[in-house]
C-alpha cells in the first residue's frame, strides 16, 4: 500500500472508531429518560440534574488531580470556553429538559433532542467552517424525518410553557458539541479535562440553583442509586466517549448519531417491558439508521 493509501486507511479506521464511540453513547443515553423520570418522582428537576452532573465531576476529580497542572486549561480563553460549555449544556439545557419532563412525556423530550443537529449544523458552519455536503444534508433530513415518524405514536402536544422550555433546551444543547469539537479537534487539552471541568461548572451551578429553589433533597435509597448510575455510566462514561469522538467527527456528524438513542429506548422497553412496536416505527428505524449512515459518508479518495 502506498503512503497515501496507508494514511487513507488510518483516517477511515479512526472515523469508524469515533462513529462507534458515538453509537455507544447513543445506546447509553437511551436509558437516561427512564432513569430521570424515575428520579423525578422523589425530588425536583434541578436537584436531579445538579446531583447527576456534579457527582460525575467528583468521580473525575481524582483522575484530574493526578494529572497535575497539565490537566488544566492553561489560558483564560479556554477557561471561558469551558465555562460556556458547562453553563449551556448542563445548567441551561439539561435544567430546562428536566424541568419540561415534569409535564411532557419522555417521547416528546426525545423528539425535541432529535432536532438538535439542525442548530448544530448552522453553528458548525458559522463557527468551525465545517461545510456539510449535499449527501450529508439529505441524511440529516432523512434522520430527523424518521425520528418524527418513529416517535409520533407517543407524541404529546404539551403546554406552551413546556414547549418553550424544550425550545430553549434544544438551542442550548447545540453549543456544547460545537465548542467541544473546537477544543477536541485542536487537541489543546486532554479528554478528561474537556469532560470534567464543564461538568464541575455546570453541575455546581445547578446544585446552587436547586438548593435555593428546591431545598435539601429527601429521597429513598433506590432513588440515590438511580442518580448514582446516571452520574457514573450515563455521564462520566458517555461524555468521555462523546468528547473523544469529537476529535474525528464533525459536530453535526456526532449529533446525528445521537438520534439513534430513541431507538435504543424503544428496544429497551420492548425487551424489558413488552411494549409493542408499530409497523410504522419499524420502518422509521430504518430511515433514522439510513439517514445517520448518509451523514457519516465521506469522500475518502482524495
C-alpha atoms as a PDB file:
ATOM      1  CA  UNK A   1       0.000   0.000   0.000  1.00  0.00           C
ATOM      2  CA  UNK A   2       1.285   3.499  -0.806  1.00  0.00           C
ATOM      3  CA  UNK A   3       1.872   6.159   1.820  1.00  0.00           C
ATOM      4  CA  UNK A   4      -1.311   7.932   0.711  1.00  0.00           C
ATOM      5  CA  UNK A   5      -3.245   4.662   0.915  1.00  0.00           C
ATOM      6  CA  UNK A   6      -1.909   3.992   4.409  1.00  0.00           C
ATOM      7  CA  UNK A   7      -2.951   7.464   5.527  1.00  0.00           C
ATOM      8  CA  UNK A   8      -6.397   6.961   3.983  1.00  0.00           C
ATOM      9  CA  UNK A   9      -6.837   3.624   5.762  1.00  0.00           C
ATOM     10  CA  UNK A  10      -5.788   5.130   9.092  1.00  0.00           C
ATOM     11  CA  UNK A  11      -8.198   8.030   8.644  1.00  0.00           C
ATOM     12  CA  UNK A  12     -11.052   5.703   7.735  1.00  0.00           C
ATOM     13  CA  UNK A  13     -10.388   3.440  10.728  1.00  0.00           C
ATOM     14  CA  UNK A  14     -10.240   6.465  13.022  1.00  0.00           C
ATOM     15  CA  UNK A  15     -13.546   7.755  11.676  1.00  0.00           C
ATOM     16  CA  UNK A  16     -15.216   4.362  12.083  1.00  0.00           C
ATOM     17  CA  UNK A  17     -13.883   4.061  15.642  1.00  0.00           C
ATOM     18  CA  UNK A  18     -15.190   7.540  16.526  1.00  0.00           C
ATOM     19  CA  UNK A  19     -18.579   6.668  14.999  1.00  0.00           C
ATOM     20  CA  UNK A  20     -18.625   3.544  17.166  1.00  0.00           C
ATOM     21  CA  UNK A  21     -17.931   5.666  20.261  1.00  0.00           C
ATOM     22  CA  UNK A  22     -20.864   7.947  19.450  1.00  0.00           C
ATOM     23  CA  UNK A  23     -23.109   4.962  18.756  1.00  0.00           C
ATOM     24  CA  UNK A  24     -22.240   3.566  22.197  1.00  0.00           C
ATOM     25  CA  UNK A  25     -23.104   6.979  23.679  1.00  0.00           C
ATOM     26  CA  UNK A  26     -26.496   6.819  21.971  1.00  0.00           C
ATOM     27  CA  UNK A  27     -27.122   3.361  23.455  1.00  0.00           C
ATOM     28  CA  UNK A  28     -26.134   4.551  26.943  1.00  0.00           C
ATOM     29  CA  UNK A  29     -28.188   7.740  26.715  1.00  0.00           C
ATOM     30  CA  UNK A  30     -31.210   5.773  25.509  1.00  0.00           C
ATOM     31  CA  UNK A  31     -31.728   4.763  29.153  1.00  0.00           C
ATOM     32  CA  UNK A  32     -31.379   8.312  30.532  1.00  0.00           C
ATOM     33  CA  UNK A  33     -35.019   9.332  30.094  1.00  0.00           C
ATOM     34  CA  UNK A  34     -36.202   6.295  32.016  1.00  0.00           C
ATOM     35  CA  UNK A  35     -33.819   6.976  34.903  1.00  0.00           C
ATOM     36  CA  UNK A  36     -34.557  10.704  35.038  1.00  0.00           C
ATOM     37  CA  UNK A  37     -38.326  10.178  35.019  1.00  0.00           C
ATOM     38  CA  UNK A  38     -37.953   7.678  37.884  1.00  0.00           C
ATOM     39  CA  UNK A  39     -35.831  10.078  39.959  1.00  0.00           C
ATOM     40  CA  UNK A  40     -38.220  12.988  39.339  1.00  0.00           C
ATOM     41  CA  UNK A  41     -40.889  11.117  41.305  1.00  0.00           C
ATOM     42  CA  UNK A  42     -38.961  11.906  44.515  1.00  0.00           C
ATOM     43  CA  UNK A  43     -37.303  15.294  44.023  1.00  0.00           C
ATOM     44  CA  UNK A  44     -37.150  18.349  41.774  1.00  0.00           C
ATOM     45  CA  UNK A  45     -35.613  18.597  38.290  1.00  0.00           C
ATOM     46  CA  UNK A  46     -32.734  20.910  39.236  1.00  0.00           C
ATOM     47  CA  UNK A  47     -31.774  18.621  42.125  1.00  0.00           C
ATOM     48  CA  UNK A  48     -31.698  15.545  39.864  1.00  0.00           C
ATOM     49  CA  UNK A  49     -29.664  17.330  37.199  1.00  0.00           C
ATOM     50  CA  UNK A  50     -27.309  19.028  39.661  1.00  0.00           C
ATOM     51  CA  UNK A  51     -26.580  15.838  41.600  1.00  0.00           C
ATOM     52  CA  UNK A  52     -26.053  13.840  38.421  1.00  0.00           C
ATOM     53  CA  UNK A  53     -23.548  16.209  36.841  1.00  0.00           C
ATOM     54  CA  UNK A  54     -21.704  17.388  39.940  1.00  0.00           C
ATOM     55  CA  UNK A  55     -21.301  13.814  41.207  1.00  0.00           C
ATOM     56  CA  UNK A  56     -19.841  12.945  37.788  1.00  0.00           C
ATOM     57  CA  UNK A  57     -17.332  15.783  38.258  1.00  0.00           C
ATOM     58  CA  UNK A  58     -16.456  14.456  41.747  1.00  0.00           C
ATOM     59  CA  UNK A  59     -15.780  10.992  40.290  1.00  0.00           C
ATOM     60  CA  UNK A  60     -13.456  12.517  37.677  1.00  0.00           C
ATOM     61  CA  UNK A  61     -11.709  14.866  40.121  1.00  0.00           C
ATOM     62  CA  UNK A  62      -9.093  12.368  41.456  1.00  0.00           C
ATOM     63  CA  UNK A  63      -8.166  11.421  37.884  1.00  0.00           C
ATOM     64  CA  UNK A  64      -7.920  15.106  37.021  1.00  0.00           C
ATOM     65  CA  UNK A  65      -5.750  15.916  40.045  1.00  0.00           C
ATOM     66  CA  UNK A  66      -3.368  13.023  39.388  1.00  0.00           C
ATOM     67  CA  UNK A  67      -2.526  14.584  36.034  1.00  0.00           C
ATOM     68  CA  UNK A  68      -1.159  17.658  37.824  1.00  0.00           C
ATOM     69  CA  UNK A  69      -1.102  21.123  36.337  1.00  0.00           C
ATOM     70  CA  UNK A  70      -1.030  19.812  32.787  1.00  0.00           C
ATOM     71  CA  UNK A  71      -4.601  18.524  33.234  1.00  0.00           C
ATOM     72  CA  UNK A  72      -5.983  22.068  33.456  1.00  0.00           C
ATOM     73  CA  UNK A  73      -6.504  24.565  30.633  1.00  0.00           C
ATOM     74  CA  UNK A  74      -3.549  26.949  30.587  1.00  0.00           C
ATOM     75  CA  UNK A  75      -5.280  30.024  29.168  1.00  0.00           C
ATOM     76  CA  UNK A  76      -8.134  32.298  30.201  1.00  0.00           C
ATOM     77  CA  UNK A  77      -9.738  31.763  26.811  1.00  0.00           C
ATOM     78  CA  UNK A  78     -10.021  28.029  27.488  1.00  0.00           C
ATOM     79  CA  UNK A  79     -11.490  28.644  30.931  1.00  0.00           C
ATOM     80  CA  UNK A  80     -14.069  30.942  29.331  1.00  0.00           C
ATOM     81  CA  UNK A  81     -14.885  28.294  26.714  1.00  0.00           C
ATOM     82  CA  UNK A  82     -15.275  25.548  29.333  1.00  0.00           C
ATOM     83  CA  UNK A  83     -17.481  27.820  31.444  1.00  0.00           C
ATOM     84  CA  UNK A  84     -19.714  28.461  28.444  1.00  0.00           C
ATOM     85  CA  UNK A  85     -19.827  24.733  27.678  1.00  0.00           C
ATOM     86  CA  UNK A  86     -20.789  23.870  31.260  1.00  0.00           C
ATOM     87  CA  UNK A  87     -23.468  26.517  31.624  1.00  0.00           C
ATOM     88  CA  UNK A  88     -25.116  25.897  28.240  1.00  0.00           C
ATOM     89  CA  UNK A  89     -25.001  22.081  28.275  1.00  0.00           C
ATOM     90  CA  UNK A  90     -25.675  21.280  31.916  1.00  0.00           C
ATOM     91  CA  UNK A  91     -27.145  24.297  33.713  1.00  0.00           C
ATOM     92  CA  UNK A  92     -29.414  25.656  30.966  1.00  0.00           C
ATOM     93  CA  UNK A  93     -30.037  22.807  28.506  1.00  0.00           C
ATOM     94  CA  UNK A  94     -30.379  19.889  30.918  1.00  0.00           C
ATOM     95  CA  UNK A  95     -32.012  22.062  33.565  1.00  0.00           C
ATOM     96  CA  UNK A  96     -34.694  23.057  31.035  1.00  0.00           C
ATOM     97  CA  UNK A  97     -35.036  19.477  29.770  1.00  0.00           C
ATOM     98  CA  UNK A  98     -35.518  18.038  33.259  1.00  0.00           C
ATOM     99  CA  UNK A  99     -37.996  20.829  34.067  1.00  0.00           C
ATOM    100  CA  UNK A 100     -40.003  20.040  30.915  1.00  0.00           C
ATOM    101  CA  UNK A 101     -40.006  16.298  31.692  1.00  0.00           C
ATOM    102  CA  UNK A 102     -42.194  17.031  34.705  1.00  0.00           C
ATOM    103  CA  UNK A 103     -45.079  17.830  32.365  1.00  0.00           C
ATOM    104  CA  UNK A 104     -44.296  16.211  28.990  1.00  0.00           C
ATOM    105  CA  UNK A 105     -43.707  12.586  28.056  1.00  0.00           C
ATOM    106  CA  UNK A 106     -40.246  11.105  27.568  1.00  0.00           C
ATOM    107  CA  UNK A 107     -41.212  10.644  23.905  1.00  0.00           C
ATOM    108  CA  UNK A 108     -41.787  14.373  23.447  1.00  0.00           C
ATOM    109  CA  UNK A 109     -38.471  15.116  25.158  1.00  0.00           C
ATOM    110  CA  UNK A 110     -36.694  12.615  22.905  1.00  0.00           C
ATOM    111  CA  UNK A 111     -38.225  14.196  19.816  1.00  0.00           C
ATOM    112  CA  UNK A 112     -37.048  17.635  20.888  1.00  0.00           C
ATOM    113  CA  UNK A 113     -33.482  16.350  21.204  1.00  0.00           C
ATOM    114  CA  UNK A 114     -33.692  14.871  17.707  1.00  0.00           C
ATOM    115  CA  UNK A 115     -33.893  18.461  16.413  1.00  0.00           C
ATOM    116  CA  UNK A 116     -30.542  19.464  17.964  1.00  0.00           C
ATOM    117  CA  UNK A 117     -28.490  18.606  14.803  1.00  0.00           C
ATOM    118  CA  UNK A 118     -30.198  21.497  12.962  1.00  0.00           C
ATOM    119  CA  UNK A 119     -28.727  24.342  15.087  1.00  0.00           C
ATOM    120  CA  UNK A 120     -25.510  22.292  15.433  1.00  0.00           C
ATOM    121  CA  UNK A 121     -25.243  22.254  11.629  1.00  0.00           C
ATOM    122  CA  UNK A 122     -25.645  26.036  11.458  1.00  0.00           C
ATOM    123  CA  UNK A 123     -23.237  26.744  14.328  1.00  0.00           C
ATOM    124  CA  UNK A 124     -20.704  24.250  12.959  1.00  0.00           C
ATOM    125  CA  UNK A 125     -20.726  26.051   9.621  1.00  0.00           C
ATOM    126  CA  UNK A 126     -20.530  29.559  11.091  1.00  0.00           C
ATOM    127  CA  UNK A 127     -18.096  28.913  13.961  1.00  0.00           C
ATOM    128  CA  UNK A 128     -15.990  25.971  12.763  1.00  0.00           C
ATOM    129  CA  UNK A 129     -16.229  26.356   8.992  1.00  0.00           C
ATOM    130  CA  UNK A 130     -17.462  22.744   8.680  1.00  0.00           C
ATOM    131  CA  UNK A 131     -19.444  22.808   5.450  1.00  0.00           C
ATOM    132  CA  UNK A 132     -21.773  19.801   5.006  1.00  0.00           C
ATOM    133  CA  UNK A 133     -22.082  18.139   1.626  1.00  0.00           C
ATOM    134  CA  UNK A 134     -25.391  17.620  -0.150  1.00  0.00           C
ATOM    135  CA  UNK A 135     -25.455  13.930   0.758  1.00  0.00           C
ATOM    136  CA  UNK A 136     -24.989  14.787   4.429  1.00  0.00           C
ATOM    137  CA  UNK A 137     -27.817  17.325   4.303  1.00  0.00           C
ATOM    138  CA  UNK A 138     -30.048  14.670   2.742  1.00  0.00           C
ATOM    139  CA  UNK A 139     -29.056  12.250   5.518  1.00  0.00           C
ATOM    140  CA  UNK A 140     -29.887  14.872   8.151  1.00  0.00           C
ATOM    141  CA  UNK A 141     -33.373  15.406   6.702  1.00  0.00           C
ATOM    142  CA  UNK A 142     -33.992  11.645   6.439  1.00  0.00           C
ATOM    143  CA  UNK A 143     -32.798  11.024  10.009  1.00  0.00           C
ATOM    144  CA  UNK A 144     -34.925  13.780  11.551  1.00  0.00           C
ATOM    145  CA  UNK A 145     -37.943  12.750   9.451  1.00  0.00           C
ATOM    146  CA  UNK A 146     -37.509   9.153  10.583  1.00  0.00           C
ATOM    147  CA  UNK A 147     -37.286  10.305  14.209  1.00  0.00           C
ATOM    148  CA  UNK A 148     -40.580  12.198  13.883  1.00  0.00           C
ATOM    149  CA  UNK A 149     -42.199   9.160  12.309  1.00  0.00           C
ATOM    150  CA  UNK A 150     -40.830   6.815  14.970  1.00  0.00           C
ATOM    151  CA  UNK A 151     -41.879   8.961  17.925  1.00  0.00           C
ATOM    152  CA  UNK A 152     -45.259  10.087  16.548  1.00  0.00           C
ATOM    153  CA  UNK A 153     -47.365   7.347  18.269  1.00  0.00           C
ATOM    154  CA  UNK A 154     -46.384   8.629  21.732  1.00  0.00           C
ATOM    155  CA  UNK A 155     -46.199  12.336  20.918  1.00  0.00           C
ATOM    156  CA  UNK A 156     -47.920  14.810  23.258  1.00  0.00           C
ATOM    157  CA  UNK A 157     -48.504  18.435  22.328  1.00  0.00           C
ATOM    158  CA  UNK A 158     -47.717  19.777  25.798  1.00  0.00           C
ATOM    159  CA  UNK A 159     -48.353  23.261  27.206  1.00  0.00           C
ATOM    160  CA  UNK A 160     -46.899  26.393  25.593  1.00  0.00           C
ATOM    161  CA  UNK A 161     -44.622  26.777  28.634  1.00  0.00           C
ATOM    162  CA  UNK A 162     -43.215  23.247  28.398  1.00  0.00           C
ATOM    163  CA  UNK A 163     -42.693  23.546  24.636  1.00  0.00           C
ATOM    164  CA  UNK A 164     -40.942  26.887  25.132  1.00  0.00           C
ATOM    165  CA  UNK A 165     -38.655  25.346  27.758  1.00  0.00           C
ATOM    166  CA  UNK A 166     -37.862  22.471  25.382  1.00  0.00           C
ATOM    167  CA  UNK A 167     -37.042  25.015  22.672  1.00  0.00           C
ATOM    168  CA  UNK A 168     -34.523  26.704  24.972  1.00  0.00           C
ATOM    169  CA  UNK A 169     -33.025  23.267  25.713  1.00  0.00           C
ATOM    170  CA  UNK A 170     -32.618  22.451  22.008  1.00  0.00           C
ATOM    171  CA  UNK A 171     -30.782  25.698  21.274  1.00  0.00           C
ATOM    172  CA  UNK A 172     -28.583  25.369  24.373  1.00  0.00           C
ATOM    173  CA  UNK A 173     -27.675  21.749  23.597  1.00  0.00           C
ATOM    174  CA  UNK A 174     -26.273  22.846  20.240  1.00  0.00           C
ATOM    175  CA  UNK A 175     -23.450  24.893  21.789  1.00  0.00           C
ATOM    176  CA  UNK A 176     -21.645  22.021  23.547  1.00  0.00           C
ATOM    177  CA  UNK A 177     -20.758  19.834  20.527  1.00  0.00           C
ATOM    178  CA  UNK A 178     -19.555  22.850  18.535  1.00  0.00           C
ATOM    179  CA  UNK A 179     -17.366  24.214  21.341  1.00  0.00           C
ATOM    180  CA  UNK A 180     -16.248  20.709  22.301  1.00  0.00           C
ATOM    181  CA  UNK A 181     -15.384  19.917  18.693  1.00  0.00           C
ATOM    182  CA  UNK A 182     -13.266  23.082  18.501  1.00  0.00           C
ATOM    183  CA  UNK A 183     -11.217  22.038  21.549  1.00  0.00           C
ATOM    184  CA  UNK A 184     -11.055  18.312  20.709  1.00  0.00           C
ATOM    185  CA  UNK A 185     -10.127  18.895  17.057  1.00  0.00           C
ATOM    186  CA  UNK A 186      -7.130  21.029  18.055  1.00  0.00           C
ATOM    187  CA  UNK A 187      -6.305  18.598  20.913  1.00  0.00           C
ATOM    188  CA  UNK A 188      -5.396  21.602  23.039  1.00  0.00           C
ATOM    189  CA  UNK A 189      -6.323  19.760  26.273  1.00  0.00           C
ATOM    190  CA  UNK A 190      -6.799  16.117  27.138  1.00  0.00           C
ATOM    191  CA  UNK A 191     -10.153  14.386  27.189  1.00  0.00           C
ATOM    192  CA  UNK A 192     -10.522  14.171  30.987  1.00  0.00           C
ATOM    193  CA  UNK A 193     -10.076  17.932  31.301  1.00  0.00           C
ATOM    194  CA  UNK A 194     -12.514  18.600  28.473  1.00  0.00           C
ATOM    195  CA  UNK A 195     -15.091  16.398  30.201  1.00  0.00           C
ATOM    196  CA  UNK A 196     -14.566  17.199  33.883  1.00  0.00           C
ATOM    197  CA  UNK A 197     -14.280  20.986  34.048  1.00  0.00           C
ATOM    198  CA  UNK A 198     -17.570  21.809  32.233  1.00  0.00           C
ATOM    199  CA  UNK A 199     -19.292  19.175  34.426  1.00  0.00           C
ATOM    200  CA  UNK A 200     -17.996  20.842  37.586  1.00  0.00           C
ATOM    201  CA  UNK A 201     -19.018  24.323  36.472  1.00  0.00           C
ATOM    202  CA  UNK A 202     -22.447  23.413  35.063  1.00  0.00           C
ATOM    203  CA  UNK A 203     -23.296  20.847  37.737  1.00  0.00           C
ATOM    204  CA  UNK A 204     -22.171  23.148  40.534  1.00  0.00           C
ATOM    205  CA  UNK A 205     -24.345  25.990  39.236  1.00  0.00           C
ATOM    206  CA  UNK A 206     -27.308  23.586  39.072  1.00  0.00           C
ATOM    207  CA  UNK A 207     -26.757  22.442  42.665  1.00  0.00           C
ATOM    208  CA  UNK A 208     -26.759  26.038  43.896  1.00  0.00           C
ATOM    209  CA  UNK A 209     -29.945  26.717  41.930  1.00  0.00           C
ATOM    210  CA  UNK A 210     -31.523  23.521  43.305  1.00  0.00           C
ATOM    211  CA  UNK A 211     -30.663  24.415  46.893  1.00  0.00           C
ATOM    212  CA  UNK A 212     -32.303  27.834  46.503  1.00  0.00           C
ATOM    213  CA  UNK A 213     -35.442  26.679  44.662  1.00  0.00           C
ATOM    214  CA  UNK A 214     -35.967  23.100  45.855  1.00  0.00           C
ATOM    215  CA  UNK A 215     -34.166  22.786  49.193  1.00  0.00           C
ATOM    216  CA  UNK A 216     -32.330  19.753  50.576  1.00  0.00           C
ATOM    217  CA  UNK A 217     -33.435  16.526  48.842  1.00  0.00           C
ATOM    218  CA  UNK A 218     -35.058  13.717  50.837  1.00  0.00           C
ATOM    219  CA  UNK A 219     -35.046  10.631  48.636  1.00  0.00           C
ATOM    220  CA  UNK A 220     -35.259   6.888  49.234  1.00  0.00           C
ATOM    221  CA  UNK A 221     -32.118   4.809  48.826  1.00  0.00           C
ATOM    222  CA  UNK A 222     -33.086   3.402  45.420  1.00  0.00           C
ATOM    223  CA  UNK A 223     -33.548   6.930  44.046  1.00  0.00           C
ATOM    224  CA  UNK A 224     -29.979   7.768  45.104  1.00  0.00           C
ATOM    225  CA  UNK A 225     -28.913   4.596  43.326  1.00  0.00           C
ATOM    226  CA  UNK A 226     -30.590   5.779  40.121  1.00  0.00           C
ATOM    227  CA  UNK A 227     -28.824   9.155  40.298  1.00  0.00           C
ATOM    228  CA  UNK A 228     -25.506   7.419  41.020  1.00  0.00           C
ATOM    229  CA  UNK A 229     -25.957   5.234  37.934  1.00  0.00           C
ATOM    230  CA  UNK A 230     -26.827   8.286  35.843  1.00  0.00           C
ATOM    231  CA  UNK A 231     -23.688  10.044  37.119  1.00  0.00           C
ATOM    232  CA  UNK A 232     -21.236   7.203  36.531  1.00  0.00           C
ATOM    233  CA  UNK A 233     -22.488   5.452  33.386  1.00  0.00           C
ATOM    234  CA  UNK A 234     -24.713   7.967  31.605  1.00  0.00           C
ATOM    235  CA  UNK A 235     -22.450  10.930  32.343  1.00  0.00           C
ATOM    236  CA  UNK A 236     -18.810  10.024  33.089  1.00  0.00           C
ATOM    237  CA  UNK A 237     -18.508   7.114  30.662  1.00  0.00           C
ATOM    238  CA  UNK A 238     -20.769   8.560  27.956  1.00  0.00           C
ATOM    239  CA  UNK A 239     -19.266  12.067  27.912  1.00  0.00           C
ATOM    240  CA  UNK A 240     -15.703  10.739  27.878  1.00  0.00           C
ATOM    241  CA  UNK A 241     -16.637   8.714  24.794  1.00  0.00           C
ATOM    242  CA  UNK A 242     -18.529  11.572  23.140  1.00  0.00           C
ATOM    243  CA  UNK A 243     -15.817  14.178  23.696  1.00  0.00           C
ATOM    244  CA  UNK A 244     -13.164  11.762  22.411  1.00  0.00           C
ATOM    245  CA  UNK A 245     -15.211  11.103  19.260  1.00  0.00           C
ATOM    246  CA  UNK A 246     -15.232  14.849  18.527  1.00  0.00           C
ATOM    247  CA  UNK A 247     -11.518  14.599  17.698  1.00  0.00           C
ATOM    248  CA  UNK A 248     -12.541  12.789  14.490  1.00  0.00           C
ATOM    249  CA  UNK A 249     -16.194  13.598  13.814  1.00  0.00           C
ATOM    250  CA  UNK A 250     -17.649  16.927  12.742  1.00  0.00           C
ATOM    251  CA  UNK A 251     -20.128  18.352  15.255  1.00  0.00           C
ATOM    252  CA  UNK A 252     -23.176  17.540  13.116  1.00  0.00           C
ATOM    253  CA  UNK A 253     -21.912  14.009  12.362  1.00  0.00           C
ATOM    254  CA  UNK A 254     -21.683  13.224  16.064  1.00  0.00           C
ATOM    255  CA  UNK A 255     -25.095  14.699  16.881  1.00  0.00           C
ATOM    256  CA  UNK A 256     -26.973  12.897  14.126  1.00  0.00           C
ATOM    257  CA  UNK A 257     -25.621   9.611  15.516  1.00  0.00           C
ATOM    258  CA  UNK A 258     -27.273  10.517  18.822  1.00  0.00           C
ATOM    259  CA  UNK A 259     -30.658  10.469  17.063  1.00  0.00           C
ATOM    260  CA  UNK A 260     -30.369   6.690  17.371  1.00  0.00           C
ATOM    261  CA  UNK A 261     -30.908   6.991  21.144  1.00  0.00           C
ATOM    262  CA  UNK A 262     -34.751   6.914  20.971  1.00  0.00           C
ATOM    263  CA  UNK A 263     -34.479   3.656  19.031  1.00  0.00           C
ATOM    264  CA  UNK A 264     -32.478   2.202  21.899  1.00  0.00           C
ATOM    265  CA  UNK A 265     -35.097   3.418  24.380  1.00  0.00           C
ATOM    266  CA  UNK A 266     -37.835   1.692  22.400  1.00  0.00           C
ATOM    267  CA  UNK A 267     -35.857  -1.550  22.143  1.00  0.00           C
ATOM    268  CA  UNK A 268     -35.250  -1.499  25.914  1.00  0.00           C
ATOM    269  CA  UNK A 269     -38.972  -1.024  26.525  1.00  0.00           C
ATOM    270  CA  UNK A 270     -39.806  -3.749  24.003  1.00  0.00           C
ATOM    271  CA  UNK A 271     -37.453  -6.286  25.565  1.00  0.00           C
ATOM    272  CA  UNK A 272     -37.879  -5.408  29.248  1.00  0.00           C
ATOM    273  CA  UNK A 273     -41.458  -4.170  29.416  1.00  0.00           C
ATOM    274  CA  UNK A 274     -43.060  -5.937  26.474  1.00  0.00           C
ATOM    275  CA  UNK A 275     -44.117  -2.635  24.894  1.00  0.00           C
ATOM    276  CA  UNK A 276     -45.234  -3.102  21.333  1.00  0.00           C
ATOM    277  CA  UNK A 277     -43.597  -1.530  18.297  1.00  0.00           C
ATOM    278  CA  UNK A 278     -45.915  -0.417  15.489  1.00  0.00           C
ATOM    279  CA  UNK A 279     -45.017  -1.276  11.856  1.00  0.00           C
ATOM    280  CA  UNK A 280     -44.586   2.431  11.104  1.00  0.00           C
ATOM    281  CA  UNK A 281     -41.992   2.635  13.880  1.00  0.00           C
ATOM    282  CA  UNK A 282     -40.047  -0.305  12.477  1.00  0.00           C
ATOM    283  CA  UNK A 283     -39.972   1.421   9.079  1.00  0.00           C
ATOM    284  CA  UNK A 284     -38.904   4.656  10.770  1.00  0.00           C
ATOM    285  CA  UNK A 285     -35.968   2.853  12.418  1.00  0.00           C
ATOM    286  CA  UNK A 286     -34.529   2.088   9.001  1.00  0.00           C
ATOM    287  CA  UNK A 287     -34.955   5.749   7.988  1.00  0.00           C
ATOM    288  CA  UNK A 288     -33.115   7.013  11.063  1.00  0.00           C
ATOM    289  CA  UNK A 289     -30.303   4.484  10.655  1.00  0.00           C
ATOM    290  CA  UNK A 290     -30.045   5.160   6.915  1.00  0.00           C
ATOM    291  CA  UNK A 291     -30.005   8.922   7.449  1.00  0.00           C
ATOM    292  CA  UNK A 292     -27.289   8.659  10.084  1.00  0.00           C
ATOM    293  CA  UNK A 293     -25.280   6.492   7.687  1.00  0.00           C
ATOM    294  CA  UNK A 294     -25.525   9.107   4.923  1.00  0.00           C
ATOM    295  CA  UNK A 295     -24.297  11.847   7.262  1.00  0.00           C
ATOM    296  CA  UNK A 296     -21.243   9.725   8.094  1.00  0.00           C
ATOM    297  CA  UNK A 297     -20.264   9.194   4.450  1.00  0.00           C
ATOM    298  CA  UNK A 298     -17.105  10.974   3.400  1.00  0.00           C
ATOM    299  CA  UNK A 299     -15.026  11.238   0.238  1.00  0.00           C
ATOM    300  CA  UNK A 300     -12.160   9.061   1.379  1.00  0.00           C
ATOM    301  CA  UNK A 301     -10.400   9.027  -2.008  1.00  0.00           C
ATOM    302  CA  UNK A 302      -8.574  12.326  -2.405  1.00  0.00           C
END
